[in-house]
PDBML (XML) file of the C-alpha atoms, coordinates in Angstrom:
<?xml version="1.0" encoding="UTF-8" ?>
<PDBx:datablock datablockName="MODEL"
   xmlns:PDBx="http://pdbml.pdb.org/schema/pdbx-v50.xsd"
   xmlns:xsi="http://www.w3.org/2001/XMLSchema-instance"
   xsi:schemaLocation="http://pdbml.pdb.org/schema/pdbx-v50.xsd pdbx-v50.xsd">
   <PDBx:atom_siteCategory>
      <PDBx:atom_site id="1">
         <PDBx:B_iso_or_equiv>0.00</PDBx:B_iso_or_equiv>
         <PDBx:Cartn_x>-214.806</PDBx:Cartn_x>
         <PDBx:Cartn_y>81.593</PDBx:Cartn_y>
         <PDBx:Cartn_z>-1.389</PDBx:Cartn_z>
         <PDBx:auth_asym_id>A</PDBx:auth_asym_id>
         <PDBx:auth_atom_id>CA</PDBx:auth_atom_id>
         <PDBx:auth_comp_id>VAL</PDBx:auth_comp_id>
         <PDBx:auth_seq_id>1</PDBx:auth_seq_id>
         <PDBx:group_PDB>ATOM</PDBx:group_PDB>
         <PDBx:label_alt_id xsi:nil="true" />
         <PDBx:label_asym_id>A</PDBx:label_asym_id>
         <PDBx:label_atom_id>CA</PDBx:label_atom_id>
         <PDBx:label_comp_id>VAL</PDBx:label_comp_id>
         <PDBx:label_entity_id>1</PDBx:label_entity_id>
         <PDBx:label_seq_id>1</PDBx:label_seq_id>
         <PDBx:occupancy>1.00</PDBx:occupancy>
         <PDBx:pdbx_PDB_model_num>1</PDBx:pdbx_PDB_model_num>
         <PDBx:type_symbol>C</PDBx:type_symbol>
      </PDBx:atom_site>
      <PDBx:atom_site id="2">
         <PDBx:B_iso_or_equiv>0.00</PDBx:B_iso_or_equiv>
         <PDBx:Cartn_x>-211.591</PDBx:Cartn_x>
         <PDBx:Cartn_y>79.812</PDBx:Cartn_y>
         <PDBx:Cartn_z>-2.397</PDBx:Cartn_z>
         <PDBx:auth_asym_id>A</PDBx:auth_asym_id>
         <PDBx:auth_atom_id>CA</PDBx:auth_atom_id>
         <PDBx:auth_comp_id>PHE</PDBx:auth_comp_id>
         <PDBx:auth_seq_id>2</PDBx:auth_seq_id>
         <PDBx:group_PDB>ATOM</PDBx:group_PDB>
         <PDBx:label_alt_id xsi:nil="true" />
         <PDBx:label_asym_id>A</PDBx:label_asym_id>
         <PDBx:label_atom_id>CA</PDBx:label_atom_id>
         <PDBx:label_comp_id>PHE</PDBx:label_comp_id>
         <PDBx:label_entity_id>1</PDBx:label_entity_id>
         <PDBx:label_seq_id>2</PDBx:label_seq_id>
         <PDBx:occupancy>1.00</PDBx:occupancy>
         <PDBx:pdbx_PDB_model_num>1</PDBx:pdbx_PDB_model_num>
         <PDBx:type_symbol>C</PDBx:type_symbol>
      </PDBx:atom_site>
      <PDBx:atom_site id="3">
         <PDBx:B_iso_or_equiv>0.00</PDBx:B_iso_or_equiv>
         <PDBx:Cartn_x>-212.746</PDBx:Cartn_x>
         <PDBx:Cartn_y>79.414</PDBx:Cartn_y>
         <PDBx:Cartn_z>-6.007</PDBx:Cartn_z>
         <PDBx:auth_asym_id>A</PDBx:auth_asym_id>
         <PDBx:auth_atom_id>CA</PDBx:auth_atom_id>
         <PDBx:auth_comp_id>ALA</PDBx:auth_comp_id>
         <PDBx:auth_seq_id>3</PDBx:auth_seq_id>
         <PDBx:group_PDB>ATOM</PDBx:group_PDB>
         <PDBx:label_alt_id xsi:nil="true" />
         <PDBx:label_asym_id>A</PDBx:label_asym_id>
         <PDBx:label_atom_id>CA</PDBx:label_atom_id>
         <PDBx:label_comp_id>ALA</PDBx:label_comp_id>
         <PDBx:label_entity_id>1</PDBx:label_entity_id>
         <PDBx:label_seq_id>3</PDBx:label_seq_id>
         <PDBx:occupancy>1.00</PDBx:occupancy>
         <PDBx:pdbx_PDB_model_num>1</PDBx:pdbx_PDB_model_num>
         <PDBx:type_symbol>C</PDBx:type_symbol>
      </PDBx:atom_site>
      <PDBx:atom_site id="4">
         <PDBx:B_iso_or_equiv>0.00</PDBx:B_iso_or_equiv>
         <PDBx:Cartn_x>-213.762</PDBx:Cartn_x>
         <PDBx:Cartn_y>83.077</PDBx:Cartn_y>
         <PDBx:Cartn_z>-6.165</PDBx:Cartn_z>
         <PDBx:auth_asym_id>A</PDBx:auth_asym_id>
         <PDBx:auth_atom_id>CA</PDBx:auth_atom_id>
         <PDBx:auth_comp_id>GLY</PDBx:auth_comp_id>
         <PDBx:auth_seq_id>4</PDBx:auth_seq_id>
         <PDBx:group_PDB>ATOM</PDBx:group_PDB>
         <PDBx:label_alt_id xsi:nil="true" />
         <PDBx:label_asym_id>A</PDBx:label_asym_id>
         <PDBx:label_atom_id>CA</PDBx:label_atom_id>
         <PDBx:label_comp_id>GLY</PDBx:label_comp_id>
         <PDBx:label_entity_id>1</PDBx:label_entity_id>
         <PDBx:label_seq_id>4</PDBx:label_seq_id>
         <PDBx:occupancy>1.00</PDBx:occupancy>
         <PDBx:pdbx_PDB_model_num>1</PDBx:pdbx_PDB_model_num>
         <PDBx:type_symbol>C</PDBx:type_symbol>
      </PDBx:atom_site>
      <PDBx:atom_site id="5">
         <PDBx:B_iso_or_equiv>0.00</PDBx:B_iso_or_equiv>
         <PDBx:Cartn_x>-210.398</PDBx:Cartn_x>
         <PDBx:Cartn_y>84.301</PDBx:Cartn_y>
         <PDBx:Cartn_z>-4.908</PDBx:Cartn_z>
         <PDBx:auth_asym_id>A</PDBx:auth_asym_id>
         <PDBx:auth_atom_id>CA</PDBx:auth_atom_id>
         <PDBx:auth_comp_id>LEU</PDBx:auth_comp_id>
         <PDBx:auth_seq_id>5</PDBx:auth_seq_id>
         <PDBx:group_PDB>ATOM</PDBx:group_PDB>
         <PDBx:label_alt_id xsi:nil="true" />
         <PDBx:label_asym_id>A</PDBx:label_asym_id>
         <PDBx:label_atom_id>CA</PDBx:label_atom_id>
         <PDBx:label_comp_id>LEU</PDBx:label_comp_id>
         <PDBx:label_entity_id>1</PDBx:label_entity_id>
         <PDBx:label_seq_id>5</PDBx:label_seq_id>
         <PDBx:occupancy>1.00</PDBx:occupancy>
         <PDBx:pdbx_PDB_model_num>1</PDBx:pdbx_PDB_model_num>
         <PDBx:type_symbol>C</PDBx:type_symbol>
      </PDBx:atom_site>
      <PDBx:atom_site id="6">
         <PDBx:B_iso_or_equiv>0.00</PDBx:B_iso_or_equiv>
         <PDBx:Cartn_x>-208.496</PDBx:Cartn_x>
         <PDBx:Cartn_y>81.987</PDBx:Cartn_y>
         <PDBx:Cartn_z>-7.263</PDBx:Cartn_z>
         <PDBx:auth_asym_id>A</PDBx:auth_asym_id>
         <PDBx:auth_atom_id>CA</PDBx:auth_atom_id>
         <PDBx:auth_comp_id>LYS</PDBx:auth_comp_id>
         <PDBx:auth_seq_id>6</PDBx:auth_seq_id>
         <PDBx:group_PDB>ATOM</PDBx:group_PDB>
         <PDBx:label_alt_id xsi:nil="true" />
         <PDBx:label_asym_id>A</PDBx:label_asym_id>
         <PDBx:label_atom_id>CA</PDBx:label_atom_id>
         <PDBx:label_comp_id>LYS</PDBx:label_comp_id>
         <PDBx:label_entity_id>1</PDBx:label_entity_id>
         <PDBx:label_seq_id>6</PDBx:label_seq_id>
         <PDBx:occupancy>1.00</PDBx:occupancy>
         <PDBx:pdbx_PDB_model_num>1</PDBx:pdbx_PDB_model_num>
         <PDBx:type_symbol>C</PDBx:type_symbol>
      </PDBx:atom_site>
      <PDBx:atom_site id="7">
         <PDBx:B_iso_or_equiv>0.00</PDBx:B_iso_or_equiv>
         <PDBx:Cartn_x>-210.478</PDBx:Cartn_x>
         <PDBx:Cartn_y>83.556</PDBx:Cartn_y>
         <PDBx:Cartn_z>-10.121</PDBx:Cartn_z>
         <PDBx:auth_asym_id>A</PDBx:auth_asym_id>
         <PDBx:auth_atom_id>CA</PDBx:auth_atom_id>
         <PDBx:auth_comp_id>LEU</PDBx:auth_comp_id>
         <PDBx:auth_seq_id>7</PDBx:auth_seq_id>
         <PDBx:group_PDB>ATOM</PDBx:group_PDB>
         <PDBx:label_alt_id xsi:nil="true" />
         <PDBx:label_asym_id>A</PDBx:label_asym_id>
         <PDBx:label_atom_id>CA</PDBx:label_atom_id>
         <PDBx:label_comp_id>LEU</PDBx:label_comp_id>
         <PDBx:label_entity_id>1</PDBx:label_entity_id>
         <PDBx:label_seq_id>7</PDBx:label_seq_id>
         <PDBx:occupancy>1.00</PDBx:occupancy>
         <PDBx:pdbx_PDB_model_num>1</PDBx:pdbx_PDB_model_num>
         <PDBx:type_symbol>C</PDBx:type_symbol>
      </PDBx:atom_site>
      <PDBx:atom_site id="8">
         <PDBx:B_iso_or_equiv>0.00</PDBx:B_iso_or_equiv>
         <PDBx:Cartn_x>-209.448</PDBx:Cartn_x>
         <PDBx:Cartn_y>86.946</PDBx:Cartn_y>
         <PDBx:Cartn_z>-8.700</PDBx:Cartn_z>
         <PDBx:auth_asym_id>A</PDBx:auth_asym_id>
         <PDBx:auth_atom_id>CA</PDBx:auth_atom_id>
         <PDBx:auth_comp_id>TYR</PDBx:auth_comp_id>
         <PDBx:auth_seq_id>8</PDBx:auth_seq_id>
         <PDBx:group_PDB>ATOM</PDBx:group_PDB>
         <PDBx:label_alt_id xsi:nil="true" />
         <PDBx:label_asym_id>A</PDBx:label_asym_id>
         <PDBx:label_atom_id>CA</PDBx:label_atom_id>
         <PDBx:label_comp_id>TYR</PDBx:label_comp_id>
         <PDBx:label_entity_id>1</PDBx:label_entity_id>
         <PDBx:label_seq_id>8</PDBx:label_seq_id>
         <PDBx:occupancy>1.00</PDBx:occupancy>
         <PDBx:pdbx_PDB_model_num>1</PDBx:pdbx_PDB_model_num>
         <PDBx:type_symbol>C</PDBx:type_symbol>
      </PDBx:atom_site>
      <PDBx:atom_site id="9">
         <PDBx:B_iso_or_equiv>0.00</PDBx:B_iso_or_equiv>
         <PDBx:Cartn_x>-205.805</PDBx:Cartn_x>
         <PDBx:Cartn_y>85.813</PDBx:Cartn_y>
         <PDBx:Cartn_z>-9.003</PDBx:Cartn_z>
         <PDBx:auth_asym_id>A</PDBx:auth_asym_id>
         <PDBx:auth_atom_id>CA</PDBx:auth_atom_id>
         <PDBx:auth_comp_id>ASP</PDBx:auth_comp_id>
         <PDBx:auth_seq_id>9</PDBx:auth_seq_id>
         <PDBx:group_PDB>ATOM</PDBx:group_PDB>
         <PDBx:label_alt_id xsi:nil="true" />
         <PDBx:label_asym_id>A</PDBx:label_asym_id>
         <PDBx:label_atom_id>CA</PDBx:label_atom_id>
         <PDBx:label_comp_id>ASP</PDBx:label_comp_id>
         <PDBx:label_entity_id>1</PDBx:label_entity_id>
         <PDBx:label_seq_id>9</PDBx:label_seq_id>
         <PDBx:occupancy>1.00</PDBx:occupancy>
         <PDBx:pdbx_PDB_model_num>1</PDBx:pdbx_PDB_model_num>
         <PDBx:type_symbol>C</PDBx:type_symbol>
      </PDBx:atom_site>
      <PDBx:atom_site id="10">
         <PDBx:B_iso_or_equiv>0.00</PDBx:B_iso_or_equiv>
         <PDBx:Cartn_x>-206.357</PDBx:Cartn_x>
         <PDBx:Cartn_y>84.566</PDBx:Cartn_y>
         <PDBx:Cartn_z>-12.530</PDBx:Cartn_z>
         <PDBx:auth_asym_id>A</PDBx:auth_asym_id>
         <PDBx:auth_atom_id>CA</PDBx:auth_atom_id>
         <PDBx:auth_comp_id>LEU</PDBx:auth_comp_id>
         <PDBx:auth_seq_id>10</PDBx:auth_seq_id>
         <PDBx:group_PDB>ATOM</PDBx:group_PDB>
         <PDBx:label_alt_id xsi:nil="true" />
         <PDBx:label_asym_id>A</PDBx:label_asym_id>
         <PDBx:label_atom_id>CA</PDBx:label_atom_id>
         <PDBx:label_comp_id>LEU</PDBx:label_comp_id>
         <PDBx:label_entity_id>1</PDBx:label_entity_id>
         <PDBx:label_seq_id>10</PDBx:label_seq_id>
         <PDBx:occupancy>1.00</PDBx:occupancy>
         <PDBx:pdbx_PDB_model_num>1</PDBx:pdbx_PDB_model_num>
         <PDBx:type_symbol>C</PDBx:type_symbol>
      </PDBx:atom_site>
      <PDBx:atom_site id="11">
         <PDBx:B_iso_or_equiv>0.00</PDBx:B_iso_or_equiv>
         <PDBx:Cartn_x>-207.808</PDBx:Cartn_x>
         <PDBx:Cartn_y>87.861</PDBx:Cartn_y>
         <PDBx:Cartn_z>-13.717</PDBx:Cartn_z>
         <PDBx:auth_asym_id>A</PDBx:auth_asym_id>
         <PDBx:auth_atom_id>CA</PDBx:auth_atom_id>
         <PDBx:auth_comp_id>LEU</PDBx:auth_comp_id>
         <PDBx:auth_seq_id>11</PDBx:auth_seq_id>
         <PDBx:group_PDB>ATOM</PDBx:group_PDB>
         <PDBx:label_alt_id xsi:nil="true" />
         <PDBx:label_asym_id>A</PDBx:label_asym_id>
         <PDBx:label_atom_id>CA</PDBx:label_atom_id>
         <PDBx:label_comp_id>LEU</PDBx:label_comp_id>
         <PDBx:label_entity_id>1</PDBx:label_entity_id>
         <PDBx:label_seq_id>11</PDBx:label_seq_id>
         <PDBx:occupancy>1.00</PDBx:occupancy>
         <PDBx:pdbx_PDB_model_num>1</PDBx:pdbx_PDB_model_num>
         <PDBx:type_symbol>C</PDBx:type_symbol>
      </PDBx:atom_site>
      <PDBx:atom_site id="12">
         <PDBx:B_iso_or_equiv>0.00</PDBx:B_iso_or_equiv>
         <PDBx:Cartn_x>-204.746</PDBx:Cartn_x>
         <PDBx:Cartn_y>89.724</PDBx:Cartn_y>
         <PDBx:Cartn_z>-12.377</PDBx:Cartn_z>
         <PDBx:auth_asym_id>A</PDBx:auth_asym_id>
         <PDBx:auth_atom_id>CA</PDBx:auth_atom_id>
         <PDBx:auth_comp_id>ALA</PDBx:auth_comp_id>
         <PDBx:auth_seq_id>12</PDBx:auth_seq_id>
         <PDBx:group_PDB>ATOM</PDBx:group_PDB>
         <PDBx:label_alt_id xsi:nil="true" />
         <PDBx:label_asym_id>A</PDBx:label_asym_id>
         <PDBx:label_atom_id>CA</PDBx:label_atom_id>
         <PDBx:label_comp_id>ALA</PDBx:label_comp_id>
         <PDBx:label_entity_id>1</PDBx:label_entity_id>
         <PDBx:label_seq_id>12</PDBx:label_seq_id>
         <PDBx:occupancy>1.00</PDBx:occupancy>
         <PDBx:pdbx_PDB_model_num>1</PDBx:pdbx_PDB_model_num>
         <PDBx:type_symbol>C</PDBx:type_symbol>
      </PDBx:atom_site>
      <PDBx:atom_site id="13">
         <PDBx:B_iso_or_equiv>0.00</PDBx:B_iso_or_equiv>
         <PDBx:Cartn_x>-202.502</PDBx:Cartn_x>
         <PDBx:Cartn_y>87.743</PDBx:Cartn_y>
         <PDBx:Cartn_z>-14.750</PDBx:Cartn_z>
         <PDBx:auth_asym_id>A</PDBx:auth_asym_id>
         <PDBx:auth_atom_id>CA</PDBx:auth_atom_id>
         <PDBx:auth_comp_id>GLY</PDBx:auth_comp_id>
         <PDBx:auth_seq_id>13</PDBx:auth_seq_id>
         <PDBx:group_PDB>ATOM</PDBx:group_PDB>
         <PDBx:label_alt_id xsi:nil="true" />
         <PDBx:label_asym_id>A</PDBx:label_asym_id>
         <PDBx:label_atom_id>CA</PDBx:label_atom_id>
         <PDBx:label_comp_id>GLY</PDBx:label_comp_id>
         <PDBx:label_entity_id>1</PDBx:label_entity_id>
         <PDBx:label_seq_id>13</PDBx:label_seq_id>
         <PDBx:occupancy>1.00</PDBx:occupancy>
         <PDBx:pdbx_PDB_model_num>1</PDBx:pdbx_PDB_model_num>
         <PDBx:type_symbol>C</PDBx:type_symbol>
      </PDBx:atom_site>
      <PDBx:atom_site id="14">
         <PDBx:B_iso_or_equiv>0.00</PDBx:B_iso_or_equiv>
         <PDBx:Cartn_x>-198.880</PDBx:Cartn_x>
         <PDBx:Cartn_y>88.904</PDBx:Cartn_y>
         <PDBx:Cartn_z>-14.705</PDBx:Cartn_z>
         <PDBx:auth_asym_id>A</PDBx:auth_asym_id>
         <PDBx:auth_atom_id>CA</PDBx:auth_atom_id>
         <PDBx:auth_comp_id>LYS</PDBx:auth_comp_id>
         <PDBx:auth_seq_id>14</PDBx:auth_seq_id>
         <PDBx:group_PDB>ATOM</PDBx:group_PDB>
         <PDBx:label_alt_id xsi:nil="true" />
         <PDBx:label_asym_id>A</PDBx:label_asym_id>
         <PDBx:label_atom_id>CA</PDBx:label_atom_id>
         <PDBx:label_comp_id>LYS</PDBx:label_comp_id>
         <PDBx:label_entity_id>1</PDBx:label_entity_id>
         <PDBx:label_seq_id>14</PDBx:label_seq_id>
         <PDBx:occupancy>1.00</PDBx:occupancy>
         <PDBx:pdbx_PDB_model_num>1</PDBx:pdbx_PDB_model_num>
         <PDBx:type_symbol>C</PDBx:type_symbol>
      </PDBx:atom_site>
      <PDBx:atom_site id="15">
         <PDBx:B_iso_or_equiv>0.00</PDBx:B_iso_or_equiv>
         <PDBx:Cartn_x>-199.773</PDBx:Cartn_x>
         <PDBx:Cartn_y>91.663</PDBx:Cartn_y>
         <PDBx:Cartn_z>-12.253</PDBx:Cartn_z>
         <PDBx:auth_asym_id>A</PDBx:auth_asym_id>
         <PDBx:auth_atom_id>CA</PDBx:auth_atom_id>
         <PDBx:auth_comp_id>LYS</PDBx:auth_comp_id>
         <PDBx:auth_seq_id>15</PDBx:auth_seq_id>
         <PDBx:group_PDB>ATOM</PDBx:group_PDB>
         <PDBx:label_alt_id xsi:nil="true" />
         <PDBx:label_asym_id>A</PDBx:label_asym_id>
         <PDBx:label_atom_id>CA</PDBx:label_atom_id>
         <PDBx:label_comp_id>LYS</PDBx:label_comp_id>
         <PDBx:label_entity_id>1</PDBx:label_entity_id>
         <PDBx:label_seq_id>15</PDBx:label_seq_id>
         <PDBx:occupancy>1.00</PDBx:occupancy>
         <PDBx:pdbx_PDB_model_num>1</PDBx:pdbx_PDB_model_num>
         <PDBx:type_symbol>C</PDBx:type_symbol>
      </PDBx:atom_site>
      <PDBx:atom_site id="16">
         <PDBx:B_iso_or_equiv>0.00</PDBx:B_iso_or_equiv>
         <PDBx:Cartn_x>-200.820</PDBx:Cartn_x>
         <PDBx:Cartn_y>89.179</PDBx:Cartn_y>
         <PDBx:Cartn_z>-9.557</PDBx:Cartn_z>
         <PDBx:auth_asym_id>A</PDBx:auth_asym_id>
         <PDBx:auth_atom_id>CA</PDBx:auth_atom_id>
         <PDBx:auth_comp_id>SER</PDBx:auth_comp_id>
         <PDBx:auth_seq_id>16</PDBx:auth_seq_id>
         <PDBx:group_PDB>ATOM</PDBx:group_PDB>
         <PDBx:label_alt_id xsi:nil="true" />
         <PDBx:label_asym_id>A</PDBx:label_asym_id>
         <PDBx:label_atom_id>CA</PDBx:label_atom_id>
         <PDBx:label_comp_id>SER</PDBx:label_comp_id>
         <PDBx:label_entity_id>1</PDBx:label_entity_id>
         <PDBx:label_seq_id>16</PDBx:label_seq_id>
         <PDBx:occupancy>1.00</PDBx:occupancy>
         <PDBx:pdbx_PDB_model_num>1</PDBx:pdbx_PDB_model_num>
         <PDBx:type_symbol>C</PDBx:type_symbol>
      </PDBx:atom_site>
      <PDBx:atom_site id="17">
         <PDBx:B_iso_or_equiv>0.00</PDBx:B_iso_or_equiv>
         <PDBx:Cartn_x>-199.525</PDBx:Cartn_x>
         <PDBx:Cartn_y>90.093</PDBx:Cartn_y>
         <PDBx:Cartn_z>-6.100</PDBx:Cartn_z>
         <PDBx:auth_asym_id>A</PDBx:auth_asym_id>
         <PDBx:auth_atom_id>CA</PDBx:auth_atom_id>
         <PDBx:auth_comp_id>LEU</PDBx:auth_comp_id>
         <PDBx:auth_seq_id>17</PDBx:auth_seq_id>
         <PDBx:group_PDB>ATOM</PDBx:group_PDB>
         <PDBx:label_alt_id xsi:nil="true" />
         <PDBx:label_asym_id>A</PDBx:label_asym_id>
         <PDBx:label_atom_id>CA</PDBx:label_atom_id>
         <PDBx:label_comp_id>LEU</PDBx:label_comp_id>
         <PDBx:label_entity_id>1</PDBx:label_entity_id>
         <PDBx:label_seq_id>17</PDBx:label_seq_id>
         <PDBx:occupancy>1.00</PDBx:occupancy>
         <PDBx:pdbx_PDB_model_num>1</PDBx:pdbx_PDB_model_num>
         <PDBx:type_symbol>C</PDBx:type_symbol>
      </PDBx:atom_site>
      <PDBx:atom_site id="18">
         <PDBx:B_iso_or_equiv>0.00</PDBx:B_iso_or_equiv>
         <PDBx:Cartn_x>-199.428</PDBx:Cartn_x>
         <PDBx:Cartn_y>86.483</PDBx:Cartn_y>
         <PDBx:Cartn_z>-4.910</PDBx:Cartn_z>
         <PDBx:auth_asym_id>A</PDBx:auth_asym_id>
         <PDBx:auth_atom_id>CA</PDBx:auth_atom_id>
         <PDBx:auth_comp_id>GLY</PDBx:auth_comp_id>
         <PDBx:auth_seq_id>18</PDBx:auth_seq_id>
         <PDBx:group_PDB>ATOM</PDBx:group_PDB>
         <PDBx:label_alt_id xsi:nil="true" />
         <PDBx:label_asym_id>A</PDBx:label_asym_id>
         <PDBx:label_atom_id>CA</PDBx:label_atom_id>
         <PDBx:label_comp_id>GLY</PDBx:label_comp_id>
         <PDBx:label_entity_id>1</PDBx:label_entity_id>
         <PDBx:label_seq_id>18</PDBx:label_seq_id>
         <PDBx:occupancy>1.00</PDBx:occupancy>
         <PDBx:pdbx_PDB_model_num>1</PDBx:pdbx_PDB_model_num>
         <PDBx:type_symbol>C</PDBx:type_symbol>
      </PDBx:atom_site>
      <PDBx:atom_site id="19">
         <PDBx:B_iso_or_equiv>0.00</PDBx:B_iso_or_equiv>
         <PDBx:Cartn_x>-201.359</PDBx:Cartn_x>
         <PDBx:Cartn_y>83.261</PDBx:Cartn_y>
         <PDBx:Cartn_z>-5.125</PDBx:Cartn_z>
         <PDBx:auth_asym_id>A</PDBx:auth_asym_id>
         <PDBx:auth_atom_id>CA</PDBx:auth_atom_id>
         <PDBx:auth_comp_id>SER</PDBx:auth_comp_id>
         <PDBx:auth_seq_id>19</PDBx:auth_seq_id>
         <PDBx:group_PDB>ATOM</PDBx:group_PDB>
         <PDBx:label_alt_id xsi:nil="true" />
         <PDBx:label_asym_id>A</PDBx:label_asym_id>
         <PDBx:label_atom_id>CA</PDBx:label_atom_id>
         <PDBx:label_comp_id>SER</PDBx:label_comp_id>
         <PDBx:label_entity_id>1</PDBx:label_entity_id>
         <PDBx:label_seq_id>19</PDBx:label_seq_id>
         <PDBx:occupancy>1.00</PDBx:occupancy>
         <PDBx:pdbx_PDB_model_num>1</PDBx:pdbx_PDB_model_num>
         <PDBx:type_symbol>C</PDBx:type_symbol>
      </PDBx:atom_site>
      <PDBx:atom_site id="20">
         <PDBx:B_iso_or_equiv>0.00</PDBx:B_iso_or_equiv>
         <PDBx:Cartn_x>-204.437</PDBx:Cartn_x>
         <PDBx:Cartn_y>82.764</PDBx:Cartn_y>
         <PDBx:Cartn_z>-2.934</PDBx:Cartn_z>
         <PDBx:auth_asym_id>A</PDBx:auth_asym_id>
         <PDBx:auth_atom_id>CA</PDBx:auth_atom_id>
         <PDBx:auth_comp_id>SER</PDBx:auth_comp_id>
         <PDBx:auth_seq_id>20</PDBx:auth_seq_id>
         <PDBx:group_PDB>ATOM</PDBx:group_PDB>
         <PDBx:label_alt_id xsi:nil="true" />
         <PDBx:label_asym_id>A</PDBx:label_asym_id>
         <PDBx:label_atom_id>CA</PDBx:label_atom_id>
         <PDBx:label_comp_id>SER</PDBx:label_comp_id>
         <PDBx:label_entity_id>1</PDBx:label_entity_id>
         <PDBx:label_seq_id>20</PDBx:label_seq_id>
         <PDBx:occupancy>1.00</PDBx:occupancy>
         <PDBx:pdbx_PDB_model_num>1</PDBx:pdbx_PDB_model_num>
         <PDBx:type_symbol>C</PDBx:type_symbol>
      </PDBx:atom_site>
      <PDBx:atom_site id="21">
         <PDBx:B_iso_or_equiv>0.00</PDBx:B_iso_or_equiv>
         <PDBx:Cartn_x>-204.372</PDBx:Cartn_x>
         <PDBx:Cartn_y>79.652</PDBx:Cartn_y>
         <PDBx:Cartn_z>-0.783</PDBx:Cartn_z>
         <PDBx:auth_asym_id>A</PDBx:auth_asym_id>
         <PDBx:auth_atom_id>CA</PDBx:auth_atom_id>
         <PDBx:auth_comp_id>ARG</PDBx:auth_comp_id>
         <PDBx:auth_seq_id>21</PDBx:auth_seq_id>
         <PDBx:group_PDB>ATOM</PDBx:group_PDB>
         <PDBx:label_alt_id xsi:nil="true" />
         <PDBx:label_asym_id>A</PDBx:label_asym_id>
         <PDBx:label_atom_id>CA</PDBx:label_atom_id>
         <PDBx:label_comp_id>ARG</PDBx:label_comp_id>
         <PDBx:label_entity_id>1</PDBx:label_entity_id>
         <PDBx:label_seq_id>21</PDBx:label_seq_id>
         <PDBx:occupancy>1.00</PDBx:occupancy>
         <PDBx:pdbx_PDB_model_num>1</PDBx:pdbx_PDB_model_num>
         <PDBx:type_symbol>C</PDBx:type_symbol>
      </PDBx:atom_site>
      <PDBx:atom_site id="22">
         <PDBx:B_iso_or_equiv>0.00</PDBx:B_iso_or_equiv>
         <PDBx:Cartn_x>-206.369</PDBx:Cartn_x>
         <PDBx:Cartn_y>77.883</PDBx:Cartn_y>
         <PDBx:Cartn_z>1.870</PDBx:Cartn_z>
         <PDBx:auth_asym_id>A</PDBx:auth_asym_id>
         <PDBx:auth_atom_id>CA</PDBx:auth_atom_id>
         <PDBx:auth_comp_id>LEU</PDBx:auth_comp_id>
         <PDBx:auth_seq_id>22</PDBx:auth_seq_id>
         <PDBx:group_PDB>ATOM</PDBx:group_PDB>
         <PDBx:label_alt_id xsi:nil="true" />
         <PDBx:label_asym_id>A</PDBx:label_asym_id>
         <PDBx:label_atom_id>CA</PDBx:label_atom_id>
         <PDBx:label_comp_id>LEU</PDBx:label_comp_id>
         <PDBx:label_entity_id>1</PDBx:label_entity_id>
         <PDBx:label_seq_id>22</PDBx:label_seq_id>
         <PDBx:occupancy>1.00</PDBx:occupancy>
         <PDBx:pdbx_PDB_model_num>1</PDBx:pdbx_PDB_model_num>
         <PDBx:type_symbol>C</PDBx:type_symbol>
      </PDBx:atom_site>
      <PDBx:atom_site id="23">
         <PDBx:B_iso_or_equiv>0.00</PDBx:B_iso_or_equiv>
         <PDBx:Cartn_x>-204.969</PDBx:Cartn_x>
         <PDBx:Cartn_y>78.199</PDBx:Cartn_y>
         <PDBx:Cartn_z>5.365</PDBx:Cartn_z>
         <PDBx:auth_asym_id>A</PDBx:auth_asym_id>
         <PDBx:auth_atom_id>CA</PDBx:auth_atom_id>
         <PDBx:auth_comp_id>ILE</PDBx:auth_comp_id>
         <PDBx:auth_seq_id>23</PDBx:auth_seq_id>
         <PDBx:group_PDB>ATOM</PDBx:group_PDB>
         <PDBx:label_alt_id xsi:nil="true" />
         <PDBx:label_asym_id>A</PDBx:label_asym_id>
         <PDBx:label_atom_id>CA</PDBx:label_atom_id>
         <PDBx:label_comp_id>ILE</PDBx:label_comp_id>
         <PDBx:label_entity_id>1</PDBx:label_entity_id>
         <PDBx:label_seq_id>23</PDBx:label_seq_id>
         <PDBx:occupancy>1.00</PDBx:occupancy>
         <PDBx:pdbx_PDB_model_num>1</PDBx:pdbx_PDB_model_num>
         <PDBx:type_symbol>C</PDBx:type_symbol>
      </PDBx:atom_site>
      <PDBx:atom_site id="24">
         <PDBx:B_iso_or_equiv>0.00</PDBx:B_iso_or_equiv>
         <PDBx:Cartn_x>-205.848</PDBx:Cartn_x>
         <PDBx:Cartn_y>76.197</PDBx:Cartn_y>
         <PDBx:Cartn_z>8.419</PDBx:Cartn_z>
         <PDBx:auth_asym_id>A</PDBx:auth_asym_id>
         <PDBx:auth_atom_id>CA</PDBx:auth_atom_id>
         <PDBx:auth_comp_id>GLY</PDBx:auth_comp_id>
         <PDBx:auth_seq_id>24</PDBx:auth_seq_id>
         <PDBx:group_PDB>ATOM</PDBx:group_PDB>
         <PDBx:label_alt_id xsi:nil="true" />
         <PDBx:label_asym_id>A</PDBx:label_asym_id>
         <PDBx:label_atom_id>CA</PDBx:label_atom_id>
         <PDBx:label_comp_id>GLY</PDBx:label_comp_id>
         <PDBx:label_entity_id>1</PDBx:label_entity_id>
         <PDBx:label_seq_id>24</PDBx:label_seq_id>
         <PDBx:occupancy>1.00</PDBx:occupancy>
         <PDBx:pdbx_PDB_model_num>1</PDBx:pdbx_PDB_model_num>
         <PDBx:type_symbol>C</PDBx:type_symbol>
      </PDBx:atom_site>
      <PDBx:atom_site id="25">
         <PDBx:B_iso_or_equiv>0.00</PDBx:B_iso_or_equiv>
         <PDBx:Cartn_x>-207.436</PDBx:Cartn_x>
         <PDBx:Cartn_y>77.409</PDBx:Cartn_y>
         <PDBx:Cartn_z>11.586</PDBx:Cartn_z>
         <PDBx:auth_asym_id>A</PDBx:auth_asym_id>
         <PDBx:auth_atom_id>CA</PDBx:auth_atom_id>
         <PDBx:auth_comp_id>ARG</PDBx:auth_comp_id>
         <PDBx:auth_seq_id>25</PDBx:auth_seq_id>
         <PDBx:group_PDB>ATOM</PDBx:group_PDB>
         <PDBx:label_alt_id xsi:nil="true" />
         <PDBx:label_asym_id>A</PDBx:label_asym_id>
         <PDBx:label_atom_id>CA</PDBx:label_atom_id>
         <PDBx:label_comp_id>ARG</PDBx:label_comp_id>
         <PDBx:label_entity_id>1</PDBx:label_entity_id>
         <PDBx:label_seq_id>25</PDBx:label_seq_id>
         <PDBx:occupancy>1.00</PDBx:occupancy>
         <PDBx:pdbx_PDB_model_num>1</PDBx:pdbx_PDB_model_num>
         <PDBx:type_symbol>C</PDBx:type_symbol>
      </PDBx:atom_site>
   </PDBx:atom_siteCategory>
</PDBx:datablock>
């Protein structure tokens, strides 16, 4: 899931709304 959402960020390029990140419980 993390890799998929990082690819989602990458495809947004300069129009990214923020970087995906892992968060703890």
